[in-house]
Each structure stands twice: as C-alpha cells, then as structure tokens.
Amino acid sequence: MEKINLPKASKITSPNPVAIVCTQKTDGSTNLATVSWYTYLSYNPNMIAYAMAKSSYSGELVRENKKVIITIPSENIKEIVMKCGMHSGRDTDKISKFENAGYSYKQYKNSSS
C-alpha cells in the first residue's frame, strides 16, 4: 500500500468510492467499518469527515483513540467490504472474514496524519 498526501487522495477518490474506516480495538486488533460518504475538509491541517452513526462501535473507538485510517478497497473484494457494514466489530472479528476468504491483511501500527 502506498501512502499518499491528502490532495492526491482527493483527486483519485472523486466521486467517492466506498471506503473502509480502520480503528484500533482495545486489544490492539483492528476493527473495520464500511462508509459510503466522506469529504475533504482541509489540506492544512489534513482533515477528512465521514458519516457514521454516533452510537457505532467504530465511532466509539475513534473517539477513544483519536486515530483512524481510511482506505479505499479494490473492487475484487467488494462482497467482503460490504459485509463489514452489516455486523458490529464489537461482536465480530472482521479481519478473519478477509483471511477466511483468502485475502491477506497487513497490520499498520505507527500511522500518522
């Protein structure tokens, strides 16, 4: 995966494709949530807004950790990506769903803005 700056990201993601919001669970594992709306608020400082229910597990994790990674998945995993939005990460290990379907997942630990 290539890390790119926000202005470049805004060019390649317009109009918005479905995205995955990645958040860190309390046990250090990753939670995934599918979002279909996000927008770029600022390039300096980097700011992105996305729509998610305030009561969602991912929303809780973002408020606790103050960190989030937004990634744009490829079309070949669209069925799995859409399933990420159908179950709460509070009760489901969504990463295992990717692995069970034969896809690999790489944990990123030191993300920054």
Foldseek 3Di string as FASTA:
>chain_A
DDDDADVVVVVVQPVHDKKWKWFADPVRDIAIAIFGDKDFDDRVVTDIDTDDDCPAPRVVRCVVVVDIDIGDDDPVCVVLNVVSHVDGPVPDDSQVVCVVVPHDDDDDDDDDD
